[in-house]
C-alpha atoms as a PDB file:
ATOM      1  CA  UNK A   1    -247.049 -33.996-120.938  1.00  0.00           C
ATOM      2  CA  UNK A   2    -245.710 -30.806-118.975  1.00  0.00           C
ATOM      3  CA  UNK A   3    -242.521 -29.610-117.953  1.00  0.00           C
ATOM      4  CA  UNK A   4    -241.306 -27.783-114.434  1.00  0.00           C
ATOM      5  CA  UNK A   5    -238.215 -26.294-114.010  1.00  0.00           C
ATOM      6  CA  UNK A   6    -235.749 -25.545-111.150  1.00  0.00           C
ATOM      7  CA  UNK A   7    -233.156 -23.361-110.508  1.00  0.00           C
ATOM      8  CA  UNK A   8    -231.074 -22.760-107.440  1.00  0.00           C
ATOM      9  CA  UNK A   9    -227.926 -21.627-106.128  1.00  0.00           C
ATOM     10  CA  UNK A  10    -227.419 -24.147-103.638  1.00  0.00           C
ATOM     11  CA  UNK A  11    -227.852 -28.028-104.245  1.00  0.00           C
ATOM     12  CA  UNK A  12    -229.954 -29.005-100.701  1.00  0.00           C
ATOM     13  CA  UNK A  13    -232.222 -26.170-102.276  1.00  0.00           C
ATOM     14  CA  UNK A  14    -232.987 -27.872-105.195  1.00  0.00           C
ATOM     15  CA  UNK A  15    -233.365 -31.090-103.440  1.00  0.00           C
ATOM     16  CA  UNK A  16    -235.854 -29.761-101.182  1.00  0.00           C
ATOM     17  CA  UNK A  17    -237.812 -27.789-104.517  1.00  0.00           C
ATOM     18  CA  UNK A  18    -237.632 -30.872-106.426  1.00  0.00           C
ATOM     19  CA  UNK A  19    -238.701 -33.127-103.307  1.00  0.00           C
ATOM     20  CA  UNK A  20    -241.488 -30.941-102.804  1.00  0.00           C
ATOM     21  CA  UNK A  21    -242.969 -30.733-106.419  1.00  0.00           C
ATOM     22  CA  UNK A  22    -242.915 -34.618-106.868  1.00  0.00           C
ATOM     23  CA  UNK A  23    -244.981 -34.697-103.285  1.00  0.00           C
ATOM     24  CA  UNK A  24    -247.637 -32.288-105.027  1.00  0.00           C
ATOM     25  CA  UNK A  25    -247.925 -34.223-108.013  1.00  0.00           C
ATOM     26  CA  UNK A  26    -248.211 -37.506-106.549  1.00  0.00           C
ATOM     27  CA  UNK A  27    -250.156 -40.040-108.557  1.00  0.00           C
ATOM     28  CA  UNK A  28    -249.209 -38.671-112.019  1.00  0.00           C
ATOM     29  CA  UNK A  29    -246.575 -40.093-113.537  1.00  0.00           C
ATOM     30  CA  UNK A  30    -242.616 -38.905-114.178  1.00  0.00           C
ATOM     31  CA  UNK A  31    -241.329 -39.380-117.124  1.00  0.00           C
ATOM     32  CA  UNK A  32    -237.823 -37.858-116.533  1.00  0.00           C
ATOM     33  CA  UNK A  33    -235.806 -35.881-114.439  1.00  0.00           C
ATOM     34  CA  UNK A  34    -232.922 -33.580-116.047  1.00  0.00           C
ATOM     35  CA  UNK A  35    -230.068 -32.490-113.672  1.00  0.00           C
ATOM     36  CA  UNK A  36    -227.363 -29.814-114.739  1.00  0.00           C
ATOM     37  CA  UNK A  37    -224.373 -27.890-112.646  1.00  0.00           C
ATOM     38  CA  UNK A  38    -223.398 -24.673-114.163  1.00  0.00           C
ATOM     39  CA  UNK A  39    -220.048 -22.888-112.469  1.00  0.00           C
ATOM     40  CA  UNK A  40    -219.017 -19.269-113.222  1.00  0.00           C
ATOM     41  CA  UNK A  41    -215.730 -17.255-111.748  1.00  0.00           C
ATOM     42  CA  UNK A  42    -216.370 -13.815-111.441  1.00  0.00           C
ATOM     43  CA  UNK A  43    -212.783 -13.205-110.226  1.00  0.00           C
ATOM     44  CA  UNK A  44    -213.685 -12.955-106.768  1.00  0.00           C
ATOM     45  CA  UNK A  45    -215.911 -15.961-105.929  1.00  0.00           C
ATOM     46  CA  UNK A  46    -217.220 -19.358-107.925  1.00  0.00           C
ATOM     47  CA  UNK A  47    -220.980 -19.003-108.344  1.00  0.00           C
ATOM     48  CA  UNK A  48    -222.949 -22.347-108.659  1.00  0.00           C
ATOM     49  CA  UNK A  49    -226.171 -22.636-110.616  1.00  0.00           C
ATOM     50  CA  UNK A  50    -227.824 -25.848-109.734  1.00  0.00           C
ATOM     51  CA  UNK A  51    -230.943 -26.558-112.069  1.00  0.00           C
ATOM     52  CA  UNK A  52    -233.231 -29.572-113.003  1.00  0.00           C
ATOM     53  CA  UNK A  53    -236.295 -30.127-114.954  1.00  0.00           C
ATOM     54  CA  UNK A  54    -239.276 -32.709-114.180  1.00  0.00           C
ATOM     55  CA  UNK A  55    -240.991 -34.112-117.460  1.00  0.00           C
ATOM     56  CA  UNK A  56    -244.123 -35.429-116.266  1.00  0.00           C
ATOM     57  CA  UNK A  57    -247.789 -36.501-117.247  1.00  0.00           C
ATOM     58  CA  UNK A  58    -250.629 -34.342-116.126  1.00  0.00           C
END
């Protein structure tokens, strides 16, 4: 079993990276995908962090 971690500042970038990775491991079993969004405010702007973890069998 292996994991692949992704961390992007825009949701569309995360979507693209995860989709590209899933295409690259075609034929391997994906066990689960975990998704998370973190938000921080630095007194100027909101900063978003979109992350995902793909758990798969190698």
